[in-house]
Protein backbone atom coordinates (compact mmCIF):
# COMPACT_ATOMS: atom_id res chain seq x y z
CA MET A 1 -10.58 -15.81 18.56
CA ARG A 2 -11.34 -19.18 18.71
CA ASP A 3 -8.18 -20.23 20.20
CA ALA A 4 -7.50 -16.89 22.60
CA HIS A 5 -11.05 -16.92 24.60
CA PRO A 6 -13.18 -20.80 23.03
CA GLN A 7 -14.95 -20.42 27.09
CA ARG A 8 -16.79 -16.74 25.20
CA PHE A 9 -16.71 -16.81 21.39
CA LEU A 10 -17.13 -19.53 19.47
CA GLY A 11 -19.69 -17.99 18.19
CA ILE A 12 -18.27 -14.96 16.97
CA GLN A 13 -16.35 -17.88 14.53
CA ALA A 14 -19.94 -19.30 13.78
CA LEU A 15 -21.12 -15.74 12.57
CA ARG A 16 -18.04 -15.75 10.13
CA ALA A 17 -19.51 -19.18 8.55
CA ILE A 18 -22.71 -17.66 7.68
CA ALA A 19 -21.55 -14.16 6.53
CA ALA A 20 -19.06 -15.99 4.41
CA CYS A 21 -22.45 -18.68 3.51
CA LEU A 22 -24.23 -15.90 2.90
CA VAL A 23 -22.29 -13.65 0.12
CA VAL A 24 -22.04 -17.30 -1.52
CA PHE A 25 -25.14 -17.68 -1.58
CA THR A 26 -25.82 -14.10 -3.41
CA HIS A 27 -23.16 -14.64 -5.95
CA SER A 28 -24.77 -17.80 -6.93
CA THR A 29 -28.33 -16.27 -7.35
CA PHE A 30 -26.34 -14.02 -9.73
CA TYR A 31 -23.76 -16.57 -11.87
CA ALA A 32 -27.56 -18.81 -12.35
CA PHE A 33 -29.02 -15.11 -13.27
CA GLU A 34 -26.49 -14.46 -16.02
CA ARG A 35 -25.25 -17.34 -16.83
CA LEU A 36 -28.44 -19.81 -17.08
CA ASP A 37 -31.95 -17.90 -17.03
CA ARG A 38 -32.58 -14.21 -16.98
CA HIS A 39 -35.75 -14.70 -15.58
CA PHE A 40 -34.18 -15.89 -11.72
CA PHE A 41 -34.27 -13.81 -9.03
CA ILE A 42 -30.54 -12.00 -7.27
CA TRP A 43 -31.11 -12.45 -3.87
CA GLN A 44 -29.02 -9.05 -2.57
CA ARG A 45 -29.54 -9.58 0.85
CA GLY A 46 -27.11 -12.26 1.22
CA THR A 47 -24.30 -8.82 0.84
CA ARG A 48 -24.91 -8.24 3.67
CA GLY A 49 -22.85 -10.47 5.20
CA VAL A 50 -20.13 -8.30 4.81
CA ASP A 51 -21.22 -6.07 6.95
CA VAL A 52 -21.19 -8.88 9.92
CA PHE A 53 -17.88 -9.10 8.71
CA PHE A 54 -16.89 -5.58 9.12
CA VAL A 55 -18.27 -5.78 12.21
CA ILE A 56 -16.15 -8.86 13.88
CA SER A 57 -13.48 -7.14 12.48
CA GLY A 58 -13.18 -3.89 14.67
CA PHE A 59 -14.62 -6.76 17.80
CA VAL A 60 -11.79 -8.94 16.99
CA MET A 61 -8.97 -6.28 16.47
CA ILE A 62 -9.38 -5.03 20.04
CA TYR A 63 -9.65 -8.09 21.37
CA ALA A 64 -6.55 -9.43 20.20
CA SER A 65 -4.82 -6.78 20.88
CA GLN A 66 -4.73 -5.77 23.90
CA LYS A 67 -1.59 -6.49 25.26
CA LEU A 68 -0.44 -4.70 21.94
CA PHE A 69 -1.85 -1.57 23.64
CA THR A 70 0.99 -0.76 25.98
CA SER A 71 3.93 -3.10 24.26
CA PRO A 72 6.65 -0.02 22.44
CA GLY A 73 7.35 -2.23 19.28
CA GLY A 74 2.79 -3.52 18.93
CA TRP A 75 2.02 -1.92 16.03
CA LYS A 76 4.88 -3.88 14.01
CA THR A 77 3.76 -6.92 15.38
CA PHE A 78 -0.26 -5.89 14.97
CA ALA A 79 1.35 -5.26 11.61
CA GLU A 80 2.69 -8.48 11.44
CA HIS A 81 -0.18 -10.48 11.76
CA ARG A 82 -2.75 -8.79 9.91
CA ILE A 83 -0.50 -8.67 6.66
CA LEU A 84 0.29 -12.52 7.34
CA ARG A 85 -3.32 -13.08 7.21
CA ILE A 86 -4.27 -11.29 4.86
CA VAL A 87 -2.49 -10.37 1.95
CA PRO A 88 -0.49 -13.74 1.17
CA LEU A 89 -3.67 -15.72 0.33
CA TYR A 90 -5.14 -12.70 -1.34
CA TRP A 91 -2.04 -12.00 -4.06
CA LEU A 92 -1.91 -15.65 -4.17
CA VAL A 93 -5.96 -15.49 -5.73
CA THR A 94 -5.43 -12.14 -7.24
CA THR A 95 -2.53 -13.57 -9.20
CA LEU A 96 -4.96 -16.86 -9.55
CA LYS A 97 -7.51 -14.54 -12.15
CA VAL A 98 -4.56 -12.32 -14.01
CA LEU A 99 -3.28 -15.57 -15.64
CA ILE A 100 -7.11 -17.09 -15.95
CA MET A 101 -7.49 -13.70 -17.49
CA LEU A 102 -4.32 -13.77 -20.06
CA PHE A 103 -4.58 -17.52 -21.33
CA THR A 104 -9.11 -17.75 -20.52
CA ALA A 105 -10.85 -15.49 -22.77
CA GLY A 106 -14.66 -15.41 -21.78
CA PHE A 107 -13.95 -17.64 -18.41
CA ALA A 108 -14.19 -13.72 -16.16
CA LEU A 109 -16.74 -11.31 -17.38
CA HIS A 110 -16.97 -8.17 -16.34
CA THR A 111 -13.55 -7.79 -16.07
CA MET A 112 -10.67 -6.16 -18.55
CA LEU A 113 -6.94 -6.45 -17.71
CA SER A 114 -5.52 -2.88 -16.67
CA PRO A 115 -1.45 -2.63 -15.92
CA ALA A 116 -2.95 -0.18 -12.98
CA THR A 117 -5.54 -1.58 -12.02
CA ALA A 118 -3.77 -4.94 -11.13
CA LEU A 119 -0.88 -3.04 -9.44
CA CYS A 120 -3.98 -1.58 -7.35
CA SER A 121 -5.20 -4.99 -6.41
CA TYR A 122 -1.93 -6.72 -5.68
CA LEU A 123 -2.04 -2.57 -2.98
CA PHE A 124 -5.05 -3.29 -1.66
CA LEU A 125 -5.58 0.53 -3.43
CA PRO A 126 -8.98 1.39 -5.40
CA ALA A 127 -8.82 2.42 -9.17
CA ARG A 128 -10.91 2.61 -11.58
CA ASP A 129 -10.75 -0.66 -14.57
CA LEU A 130 -11.18 -0.15 -18.43
CA ASP A 131 -14.80 -0.45 -18.06
CA GLY A 132 -14.62 2.82 -15.48
CA ARG A 133 -15.76 0.81 -12.20
CA LEU A 134 -13.97 0.97 -9.16
CA GLU A 135 -13.27 -2.54 -8.35
CA PRO A 136 -10.14 -4.40 -8.40
CA LEU A 137 -9.50 -7.63 -10.46
CA VAL A 138 -11.28 -9.80 -8.01
CA GLY A 139 -14.32 -7.91 -7.61
CA VAL A 140 -14.78 -8.93 -3.68
CA GLY A 141 -11.77 -7.50 -3.22
CA TRP A 142 -13.15 -4.23 -2.47
CA THR A 143 -14.17 -5.22 1.21
CA LEU A 144 -10.38 -5.40 1.43
CA ASN A 145 -9.66 -2.63 0.70
CA PHE A 146 -11.45 -1.21 3.21
CA GLU A 147 -10.53 -3.78 5.88
CA MET A 148 -6.66 -2.19 4.60
CA LEU A 149 -7.38 1.01 5.59
CA PHE A 150 -8.88 0.18 8.99
CA TYR A 151 -5.67 -1.96 10.05
CA LEU A 152 -3.05 1.16 8.98
CA LEU A 153 -5.42 3.41 11.53
CA PHE A 154 -5.08 0.92 13.87
CA ALA A 155 -1.59 0.46 13.52
CA ALA A 156 -0.82 3.67 13.39
CA ALA A 157 -3.03 4.76 16.73
CA LEU A 158 -0.52 1.67 18.14
CA PHE A 159 2.56 3.46 16.38
CA LEU A 160 1.17 6.73 17.81
CA ARG A 161 0.55 5.50 21.34
CA ALA A 162 -2.83 6.91 20.85
CA ASN A 163 -6.18 5.77 22.35
CA VAL A 164 -7.01 3.86 19.58
CA PHE A 165 -11.30 4.18 20.14
CA LYS A 166 -10.53 8.03 19.60
CA PHE A 167 -8.12 8.19 17.00
CA VAL A 168 -9.50 5.68 14.84
CA GLY A 169 -12.62 6.53 15.44
CA VAL A 170 -12.50 10.04 14.86
CA ILE A 171 -10.95 9.64 11.26
CA LEU A 172 -13.57 7.11 10.35
CA THR A 173 -16.72 9.37 11.45
CA LEU A 174 -15.02 12.17 9.24
CA LEU A 175 -14.60 9.33 6.05
CA ALA A 176 -18.26 8.59 7.39
CA ILE A 177 -19.25 11.75 6.69
CA GLY A 178 -17.22 12.71 3.94
CA ALA A 179 -19.79 9.86 1.59
CA ALA A 180 -22.87 12.64 2.05
CA PHE A 181 -20.61 14.97 -0.44
CA ARG A 182 -19.19 12.26 -2.51
CA GLN A 183 -19.72 12.74 -6.01
CA PRO A 184 -19.29 10.27 -8.84
CA GLY A 185 -16.46 12.36 -10.74
CA TRP A 186 -14.32 12.29 -7.91
CA SER A 187 -11.03 10.33 -7.92
CA PRO A 188 -11.01 6.93 -6.66
CA ALA A 189 -9.48 8.07 -3.40
CA ALA A 190 -13.03 8.97 -2.66
CA PHE A 191 -13.85 5.02 -1.99
CA TYR A 192 -13.39 5.74 1.13
CA LEU A 193 -15.56 8.53 1.72
CA ASN A 194 -18.62 5.64 3.01
CA SER A 195 -20.31 5.18 6.00
CA ILE A 196 -19.80 1.60 6.12
CA VAL A 197 -16.58 2.06 8.21
CA LEU A 198 -17.93 3.08 10.98
CA GLU A 199 -18.34 -0.88 11.01
CA PHE A 200 -15.26 -1.75 12.26
CA PHE A 201 -15.57 0.77 15.35
CA LEU A 202 -18.78 -0.14 16.05
CA GLY A 203 -17.20 -3.22 16.35
CA MET A 204 -14.41 -2.25 18.35
CA LEU A 205 -16.61 -0.83 20.65
CA ILE A 206 -18.57 -4.59 21.28
CA ALA A 207 -14.86 -5.56 22.22
CA LYS A 208 -14.73 -2.60 24.35
CA ALA A 209 -18.36 -3.39 25.82
CA CYS A 210 -17.63 -6.95 26.63
CA ILE A 211 -13.65 -6.66 28.07
CA ALA A 212 -15.88 -4.69 30.71
CA GLY A 213 -18.15 -7.05 31.14
CA GLU A 214 -21.87 -5.71 29.30
CA TYR A 215 -22.83 -8.33 28.11
CA LEU A 216 -26.83 -9.75 27.49
CA SER A 217 -28.62 -11.91 29.44
CA SER A 218 -28.85 -15.19 26.88
CA ARG A 219 -32.50 -14.68 26.75
CA ARG A 220 -31.78 -10.73 25.31
CA ALA A 221 -29.07 -12.57 23.17
CA TYR A 222 -31.22 -14.44 21.18
CA VAL A 223 -34.25 -11.72 20.62
CA LEU A 224 -31.53 -9.68 19.52
CA ILE A 225 -29.72 -12.47 16.58
CA ALA A 226 -33.31 -13.03 16.03
CA GLY A 227 -34.30 -9.51 15.49
CA GLY A 228 -31.38 -8.23 14.20
CA PHE A 229 -31.00 -11.54 11.08
CA ALA A 230 -34.86 -10.72 10.61
CA LEU A 231 -33.16 -6.44 9.76
CA LEU A 232 -30.44 -7.48 7.80
CA LEU A 233 -31.36 -9.54 5.96
CA LEU A 234 -35.72 -9.12 5.53
CA ALA A 235 -35.96 -5.57 5.90
CA PRO A 236 -36.87 -3.48 2.83
CA ASP A 237 -34.74 -2.31 0.62
CA ASN A 238 -33.41 1.46 0.93
CA ASP A 239 -35.63 3.28 -0.37
CA TRP A 240 -35.06 6.32 1.60
CA THR A 241 -31.17 6.69 1.11
CA LEU A 242 -29.89 6.04 4.77
CA PRO A 243 -26.41 5.72 6.04
CA LYS A 244 -25.49 2.41 4.64
CA VAL A 245 -24.28 1.81 8.49
CA LEU A 246 -27.56 2.15 9.76
CA ILE A 247 -29.38 0.02 7.04
CA ASN A 248 -27.03 -2.71 7.41
CA GLY A 249 -24.52 -1.44 10.09
CA LEU A 250 -26.60 -1.59 13.43
CA PRO A 251 -28.63 -5.43 12.32
CA ALA A 252 -24.67 -6.35 12.90
CA VAL A 253 -24.02 -4.88 16.19
CA LEU A 254 -27.05 -6.74 17.28
CA ILE A 255 -26.25 -9.86 15.84
CA VAL A 256 -22.60 -9.61 16.48
CA TRP A 257 -22.99 -8.61 21.21
CA SER A 258 -26.15 -11.09 21.06
CA THR A 259 -23.53 -14.00 19.97
CA ALA A 260 -20.47 -12.35 22.06
CA SER A 261 -22.51 -12.56 25.14
CA LEU A 262 -23.97 -16.31 24.73
CA GLY A 263 -21.70 -17.96 27.21
CA LYS A 264 -21.39 -20.97 27.76
CA ALA A 265 -24.51 -21.96 25.29
CA GLN A 266 -22.02 -21.47 22.03
CA ASP A 267 -20.34 -25.45 22.92
CA ALA A 268 -23.59 -26.70 21.23
CA ILE A 269 -22.02 -25.05 17.78
CA PRO A 270 -21.44 -27.61 15.13
CA ARG A 271 -17.62 -28.25 14.75
CA PHE A 272 -18.26 -28.13 11.02
CA LEU A 273 -19.97 -24.27 11.29
CA LEU A 274 -16.38 -23.30 13.56
CA TYR A 275 -14.30 -25.14 10.56
CA LEU A 276 -16.05 -23.27 8.10
CA GLY A 277 -15.34 -20.05 10.08
CA ASP A 278 -11.73 -21.00 9.92
CA ALA A 279 -11.98 -21.31 6.19
CA SER A 280 -13.96 -18.48 5.64
CA TYR A 281 -11.88 -15.88 4.30
CA SER A 282 -11.11 -19.13 2.06
CA ILE A 283 -14.31 -19.45 1.00
CA TYR A 284 -14.81 -15.30 0.67
CA LEU A 285 -11.82 -14.70 -2.09
CA ILE A 286 -12.26 -18.70 -4.09
CA HIS A 287 -16.06 -19.01 -4.40
CA PRO A 288 -16.06 -16.16 -7.07
CA PHE A 289 -13.71 -19.04 -9.55
CA VAL A 290 -15.58 -21.76 -9.11
CA CYS A 291 -19.36 -20.93 -7.88
CA PRO A 292 -20.40 -20.18 -12.22
CA LEU A 293 -18.81 -23.30 -13.52
CA PRO A 294 -22.12 -25.19 -12.71
CA PRO A 295 -24.62 -22.51 -14.49
CA ALA A 296 -22.23 -22.21 -17.57
CA ILE A 297 -22.98 -26.13 -17.62
CA LEU A 298 -25.82 -26.15 -16.57
CA SER A 299 -26.38 -24.52 -19.67
CA ARG A 300 -24.42 -26.29 -22.24
CA LEU A 301 -26.59 -29.34 -21.42
CA HIS A 302 -29.51 -27.46 -21.51
CA PHE A 303 -30.99 -28.20 -18.52
CA ILE A 304 -32.17 -24.65 -17.25
CA HIS A 305 -33.11 -24.98 -13.39
CA PRO A 306 -31.96 -22.58 -11.77
CA TRP A 307 -32.32 -23.30 -7.91
CA LEU A 308 -29.93 -26.54 -8.71
CA SER A 309 -27.54 -24.34 -9.64
CA VAL A 310 -27.66 -22.24 -7.14
CA SER A 311 -27.46 -25.48 -4.66
CA LEU A 312 -24.54 -26.97 -6.30
CA SER A 313 -22.71 -23.28 -6.77
CA VAL A 314 -22.88 -22.67 -2.98
CA VAL A 315 -21.63 -26.59 -2.75
CA LEU A 316 -18.96 -26.17 -5.03
CA GLY A 317 -17.78 -22.61 -3.19
CA VAL A 318 -17.84 -23.63 0.91
CA ALA A 319 -15.96 -26.74 -0.65
CA ALA A 320 -13.70 -25.11 -2.60
CA GLY A 321 -12.23 -22.66 -0.05
CA CYS A 322 -12.39 -25.81 2.57
CA VAL A 323 -9.82 -27.44 0.45
CA LEU A 324 -7.78 -23.95 -0.36
CA HIS A 325 -7.73 -22.78 3.16
CA GLN A 326 -6.47 -26.93 4.09
CA LEU A 327 -3.88 -27.05 1.67
CA ILE A 328 -3.24 -23.44 0.81
CA GLU A 329 -3.43 -21.03 3.48
CA LEU A 330 -2.54 -23.49 6.67
CA PRO A 331 0.36 -24.64 5.25
CA MET A 332 1.49 -21.42 3.63
CA THR A 333 0.52 -19.59 6.48
CA ALA A 334 2.84 -21.80 9.30
CA TRP A 335 5.84 -21.10 6.81
CA LEU A 336 5.54 -17.66 6.16
CA LYS A 337 4.89 -17.71 10.35
CA GLY A 338 8.19 -20.37 10.75
CA TYR A 339 10.05 -18.40 8.06
CA LEU A 340 9.95 -15.18 10.03
CA ARG A 341 11.25 -16.35 13.56
CA GLY A 342 14.17 -18.15 12.22
CA TYR A 343 14.64 -14.55 9.78
CA ARG A 344 14.80 -12.90 13.02
CA LYS A 345 16.86 -15.55 15.33
CA PRO A 346 20.02 -14.29 13.89
CA LEU A 347 19.30 -10.83 13.82
CA GLN A 348 18.76 -11.38 17.92
CA VAL A 349 22.04 -12.73 18.20
CA MET A 350 24.17 -10.50 16.07
CA ALA A 351 22.43 -7.56 18.44
């Protein structure tokens, strides 16, 4: 997005960084509570950064795929780009988790290794672990199961040459409606019956509005960004069991649409924040591996300062993500793209 539309969507890149840091902060409070001080609180609201991620994902897919809607092989290009972006790094960290579980007993809490769970984790499929929970080996990977479903539907719409908004929108709406009937004992496939999937579609609609030139005024955009974050991070807990898309999704929509409307004002965004947006996927995946270290070390030192633990965990998680992004994700993605280009050339010559 930053390369394709630098004049308009730098703010979306910054939102990625903010969403990733919110998740890291929430998990850091959990690690401090679990490993250091049981009287400390767990700040759950930061998990709502995932809702921002999902809306952004729907938004970006429309903008990044406009030229593919009329291309005969557009679905192949779309699938290839998504696989290169998501799969290699996730497989890498999943393999790291498997090795840790095999050779470092006690480091990975709340996770037991089973072949079925491992296989489903690699395939982005929901499966119950040995504790009965629907969770992949890399805990944050549950969001990628939803992402891959969205990409599959998007690719299918391109393959069938269907209207992507109608095709994806209808299926995601049916899944969201099904959430009202979901029962605990249903098969793991019922994992997808969740109103959160509509956040992808809402992001698609924001992109459609922006393509049509329907932007908010700067003054209104700033007000709605502030209001969106207030609703997302400060609103009371969902005691009315309302669908998650209403509690978290709509504020995320306000934030993303307003940010996309800011135009040249986004030029003032600090470069480090844009870089964190680039590295947000790496930060999101690697932070559960490193953020538990500060509270574990402080506990052994009998230095019970949970806020220090949280601060160190956040810094360490973000720094590790940046290192992973710079040293592994970028070179690996570039190599894979070059390999695929080289693989195709002989076939084109032979044809």
